[in-house]
Amino acid sequence: MSNQYEFLYECDELGLRLRCLFEYEPEEIGSIEPMSGMKLEPDYPEVWTLVSVFLPNSTVDLSGVLHPDVIFRVESDAAIYFEELRGKRYD
């Protein structure tokens, strides 16, 4: 199961605000054989995947034309933002 989340990114290099949509897949812990404790399935970490990038009032997806370094920074900043947001929910 996956969910979509929005993140507004201030792109200083381009002087633009970008509206970024991410797909979230939560962490999954693989099953363990009860008698032996042997792992039957692998564990999977949570994953944040950048799906689309828009200018705030646009419907044109820019994700295919952004430089890979910009995409990397968006994904890195979004991961920190979503982690902080999750931490605030549990405080």
N, C-alpha and C. Protein backbone atom coordinates (compact mmCIF):
# COMPACT_ATOMS: atom_id res chain seq x y z
N MET A 1 0.84 -1.18 0.00
CA MET A 1 0.00 0.00 0.00
C MET A 1 0.89 1.25 0.00
N SER A 2 0.54 2.22 -0.80
CA SER A 2 1.33 3.44 -0.84
C SER A 2 0.42 4.65 -0.75
N ASN A 3 0.97 5.74 -0.29
CA ASN A 3 0.24 7.00 -0.14
C ASN A 3 1.03 8.11 -0.80
N GLN A 4 0.31 9.18 -1.21
CA GLN A 4 1.00 10.32 -1.80
C GLN A 4 1.01 11.50 -0.83
N TYR A 5 2.14 12.19 -0.81
CA TYR A 5 2.34 13.34 0.07
C TYR A 5 2.92 14.49 -0.73
N GLU A 6 2.56 15.71 -0.34
CA GLU A 6 3.04 16.90 -1.03
C GLU A 6 4.11 17.59 -0.20
N PHE A 7 5.12 18.11 -0.89
CA PHE A 7 6.23 18.82 -0.27
C PHE A 7 6.54 20.04 -1.12
N LEU A 8 6.56 21.23 -0.50
CA LEU A 8 6.94 22.45 -1.22
C LEU A 8 8.43 22.69 -1.03
N TYR A 9 9.15 22.76 -2.13
CA TYR A 9 10.60 22.90 -2.10
C TYR A 9 11.00 24.27 -2.63
N GLU A 10 11.79 24.99 -1.84
CA GLU A 10 12.34 26.28 -2.28
C GLU A 10 13.63 25.99 -3.05
N CYS A 11 13.57 26.11 -4.36
CA CYS A 11 14.73 25.81 -5.20
C CYS A 11 15.52 27.10 -5.44
N ASP A 12 16.55 27.31 -4.62
CA ASP A 12 17.35 28.53 -4.71
C ASP A 12 18.08 28.63 -6.05
N GLU A 13 18.54 27.49 -6.58
CA GLU A 13 19.29 27.51 -7.85
C GLU A 13 18.45 28.07 -8.99
N LEU A 14 17.15 27.75 -8.98
CA LEU A 14 16.27 28.21 -10.05
C LEU A 14 15.44 29.42 -9.64
N GLY A 15 15.46 29.77 -8.35
CA GLY A 15 14.65 30.87 -7.86
C GLY A 15 13.17 30.57 -7.91
N LEU A 16 12.81 29.30 -7.71
CA LEU A 16 11.42 28.88 -7.82
C LEU A 16 10.98 28.07 -6.61
N ARG A 17 9.68 28.06 -6.38
CA ARG A 17 9.10 27.10 -5.43
C ARG A 17 8.55 25.96 -6.26
N LEU A 18 8.84 24.75 -5.86
CA LEU A 18 8.37 23.58 -6.59
C LEU A 18 7.42 22.78 -5.70
N ARG A 19 6.29 22.38 -6.27
CA ARG A 19 5.34 21.52 -5.57
C ARG A 19 5.66 20.09 -5.97
N CYS A 20 6.13 19.30 -5.01
CA CYS A 20 6.62 17.96 -5.28
C CYS A 20 5.68 16.92 -4.66
N LEU A 21 5.33 15.92 -5.43
CA LEU A 21 4.50 14.84 -4.93
C LEU A 21 5.36 13.60 -4.74
N PHE A 22 5.24 13.02 -3.56
CA PHE A 22 6.01 11.83 -3.20
C PHE A 22 5.07 10.67 -2.93
N GLU A 23 5.53 9.49 -3.27
CA GLU A 23 4.83 8.27 -2.91
C GLU A 23 5.57 7.67 -1.73
N TYR A 24 4.83 7.24 -0.73
CA TYR A 24 5.43 6.69 0.48
C TYR A 24 5.05 5.23 0.63
N GLU A 25 6.06 4.41 0.83
CA GLU A 25 5.84 3.00 1.14
C GLU A 25 6.48 2.75 2.50
N PRO A 26 5.67 2.37 3.50
CA PRO A 26 6.20 2.18 4.85
C PRO A 26 7.14 0.99 4.95
N GLU A 27 7.91 0.99 6.01
CA GLU A 27 8.81 -0.11 6.30
C GLU A 27 8.01 -1.41 6.47
N GLU A 28 8.58 -2.50 5.98
CA GLU A 28 7.96 -3.81 6.15
C GLU A 28 8.97 -4.75 6.79
N ILE A 29 8.53 -5.39 7.85
CA ILE A 29 9.37 -6.37 8.54
C ILE A 29 9.00 -7.75 8.03
N GLY A 30 9.99 -8.45 7.51
CA GLY A 30 9.75 -9.79 6.97
C GLY A 30 9.38 -10.79 8.06
N SER A 31 8.68 -11.84 7.64
CA SER A 31 8.25 -12.83 8.62
C SER A 31 9.40 -13.74 9.05
N ILE A 32 9.22 -14.29 10.24
CA ILE A 32 10.22 -15.17 10.85
C ILE A 32 9.55 -16.51 11.17
N GLU A 33 10.26 -17.59 10.95
CA GLU A 33 9.78 -18.92 11.29
C GLU A 33 9.75 -19.03 12.80
N PRO A 34 8.56 -19.27 13.40
CA PRO A 34 8.44 -19.25 14.85
C PRO A 34 9.32 -20.25 15.60
N MET A 35 9.46 -21.42 15.09
CA MET A 35 10.21 -22.46 15.82
C MET A 35 11.72 -22.22 15.78
N SER A 36 12.24 -21.89 14.61
CA SER A 36 13.69 -21.76 14.47
C SER A 36 14.17 -20.31 14.57
N GLY A 37 13.26 -19.34 14.35
CA GLY A 37 13.66 -17.94 14.34
C GLY A 37 14.31 -17.53 13.02
N MET A 38 14.31 -18.44 12.05
CA MET A 38 14.92 -18.17 10.75
C MET A 38 14.07 -17.18 9.95
N LYS A 39 14.74 -16.24 9.30
CA LYS A 39 14.08 -15.23 8.48
C LYS A 39 13.51 -15.90 7.24
N LEU A 40 12.22 -15.73 6.99
CA LEU A 40 11.57 -16.28 5.79
C LEU A 40 11.46 -15.26 4.67
N GLU A 41 11.37 -13.98 5.04
CA GLU A 41 11.26 -12.90 4.07
C GLU A 41 12.17 -11.75 4.49
N PRO A 42 12.68 -11.00 3.54
CA PRO A 42 13.56 -9.87 3.90
C PRO A 42 12.79 -8.70 4.49
N ASP A 43 13.50 -7.86 5.22
CA ASP A 43 12.94 -6.60 5.70
C ASP A 43 13.12 -5.57 4.59
N TYR A 44 12.17 -4.64 4.49
CA TYR A 44 12.26 -3.57 3.51
C TYR A 44 12.16 -2.23 4.25
N PRO A 45 13.10 -1.31 3.98
CA PRO A 45 13.04 0.00 4.65
C PRO A 45 11.92 0.85 4.04
N GLU A 46 11.55 1.92 4.75
CA GLU A 46 10.57 2.83 4.18
C GLU A 46 11.20 3.51 2.96
N VAL A 47 10.35 3.88 2.00
CA VAL A 47 10.83 4.48 0.76
C VAL A 47 9.98 5.70 0.42
N TRP A 48 10.65 6.82 0.16
CA TRP A 48 10.01 8.04 -0.34
C TRP A 48 10.44 8.20 -1.79
N THR A 49 9.49 8.14 -2.73
CA THR A 49 9.80 8.23 -4.15
C THR A 49 9.19 9.49 -4.75
N LEU A 50 10.03 10.30 -5.36
CA LEU A 50 9.54 11.50 -6.03
C LEU A 50 8.77 11.08 -7.28
N VAL A 51 7.49 11.48 -7.34
CA VAL A 51 6.63 11.07 -8.45
C VAL A 51 6.50 12.20 -9.47
N SER A 52 6.22 13.41 -8.99
CA SER A 52 5.98 14.54 -9.89
C SER A 52 6.49 15.83 -9.26
N VAL A 53 6.84 16.79 -10.13
CA VAL A 53 7.27 18.12 -9.70
C VAL A 53 6.55 19.15 -10.56
N PHE A 54 5.90 20.11 -9.88
CA PHE A 54 5.14 21.14 -10.58
C PHE A 54 5.52 22.51 -10.05
N LEU A 55 5.30 23.54 -10.87
CA LEU A 55 5.28 24.90 -10.35
C LEU A 55 3.96 25.02 -9.59
N PRO A 56 3.86 25.88 -8.59
CA PRO A 56 2.66 25.91 -7.75
C PRO A 56 1.32 26.00 -8.47
N ASN A 57 1.20 26.76 -9.54
CA ASN A 57 -0.09 26.89 -10.23
C ASN A 57 -0.06 26.27 -11.62
N SER A 58 0.64 25.16 -11.75
CA SER A 58 0.80 24.53 -13.05
C SER A 58 0.42 23.06 -12.98
N THR A 59 0.06 22.50 -14.13
CA THR A 59 -0.22 21.07 -14.22
C THR A 59 0.83 20.35 -15.07
N VAL A 60 1.89 21.06 -15.43
CA VAL A 60 2.96 20.46 -16.24
C VAL A 60 4.00 19.84 -15.32
N ASP A 61 4.23 18.55 -15.47
CA ASP A 61 5.19 17.83 -14.65
C ASP A 61 6.61 18.13 -15.13
N LEU A 62 7.43 18.68 -14.23
CA LEU A 62 8.80 19.07 -14.57
C LEU A 62 9.84 18.03 -14.18
N SER A 63 9.41 16.92 -13.60
CA SER A 63 10.38 15.96 -13.06
C SER A 63 11.33 15.41 -14.14
N GLY A 64 10.89 15.34 -15.37
CA GLY A 64 11.74 14.81 -16.44
C GLY A 64 12.78 15.78 -16.96
N VAL A 65 12.67 17.06 -16.60
CA VAL A 65 13.61 18.06 -17.13
C VAL A 65 14.52 18.65 -16.05
N LEU A 66 14.30 18.27 -14.79
CA LEU A 66 15.16 18.80 -13.72
C LEU A 66 16.49 18.07 -13.70
N HIS A 67 17.53 18.80 -13.37
CA HIS A 67 18.86 18.22 -13.25
C HIS A 67 18.86 17.19 -12.12
N PRO A 68 19.57 16.07 -12.28
CA PRO A 68 19.62 15.04 -11.24
C PRO A 68 20.06 15.56 -9.87
N ASP A 69 20.94 16.57 -9.84
CA ASP A 69 21.37 17.15 -8.55
C ASP A 69 20.21 17.84 -7.84
N VAL A 70 19.34 18.51 -8.60
CA VAL A 70 18.18 19.18 -8.01
C VAL A 70 17.23 18.12 -7.46
N ILE A 71 17.00 17.07 -8.22
CA ILE A 71 16.12 15.98 -7.76
C ILE A 71 16.68 15.36 -6.50
N PHE A 72 17.98 15.14 -6.44
CA PHE A 72 18.61 14.57 -5.25
C PHE A 72 18.38 15.46 -4.03
N ARG A 73 18.55 16.78 -4.21
CA ARG A 73 18.35 17.71 -3.09
C ARG A 73 16.89 17.74 -2.65
N VAL A 74 15.97 17.71 -3.61
CA VAL A 74 14.54 17.67 -3.27
C VAL A 74 14.24 16.42 -2.45
N GLU A 75 14.71 15.27 -2.90
CA GLU A 75 14.46 14.01 -2.19
C GLU A 75 15.10 14.01 -0.81
N SER A 76 16.30 14.54 -0.68
CA SER A 76 16.98 14.59 0.62
C SER A 76 16.25 15.51 1.59
N ASP A 77 15.89 16.72 1.12
CA ASP A 77 15.18 17.66 1.99
C ASP A 77 13.80 17.14 2.37
N ALA A 78 13.13 16.49 1.44
CA ALA A 78 11.80 15.95 1.73
C ALA A 78 11.87 14.84 2.77
N ALA A 79 12.88 13.98 2.69
CA ALA A 79 13.02 12.91 3.67
C ALA A 79 13.19 13.49 5.08
N ILE A 80 14.00 14.54 5.20
CA ILE A 80 14.20 15.21 6.50
C ILE A 80 12.89 15.85 6.96
N TYR A 81 12.20 16.52 6.06
CA TYR A 81 10.94 17.18 6.38
C TYR A 81 9.90 16.17 6.88
N PHE A 82 9.73 15.06 6.14
CA PHE A 82 8.73 14.07 6.52
C PHE A 82 9.10 13.38 7.84
N GLU A 83 10.39 13.17 8.07
CA GLU A 83 10.84 12.57 9.33
C GLU A 83 10.54 13.51 10.50
N GLU A 84 10.81 14.80 10.33
CA GLU A 84 10.52 15.78 11.38
C GLU A 84 9.02 15.89 11.62
N LEU A 85 8.23 15.84 10.54
CA LEU A 85 6.78 15.90 10.65
C LEU A 85 6.25 14.70 11.43
N ARG A 86 6.78 13.54 11.15
CA ARG A 86 6.37 12.33 11.86
C ARG A 86 6.75 12.44 13.33
N GLY A 87 7.92 12.98 13.64
CA GLY A 87 8.37 13.15 15.02
C GLY A 87 7.46 14.08 15.80
N LYS A 88 6.96 15.14 15.16
CA LYS A 88 6.06 16.08 15.82
C LYS A 88 4.72 15.42 16.16
N ARG A 89 4.30 14.47 15.33
CA ARG A 89 3.02 13.79 15.60
C ARG A 89 3.10 12.95 16.87
N TYR A 90 4.30 12.44 17.17
CA TYR A 90 4.45 11.55 18.32
C TYR A 90 4.86 12.30 19.60
N ASP A 91 5.14 13.60 19.50
CA ASP A 91 5.52 14.37 20.68
C ASP A 91 4.31 14.72 21.52
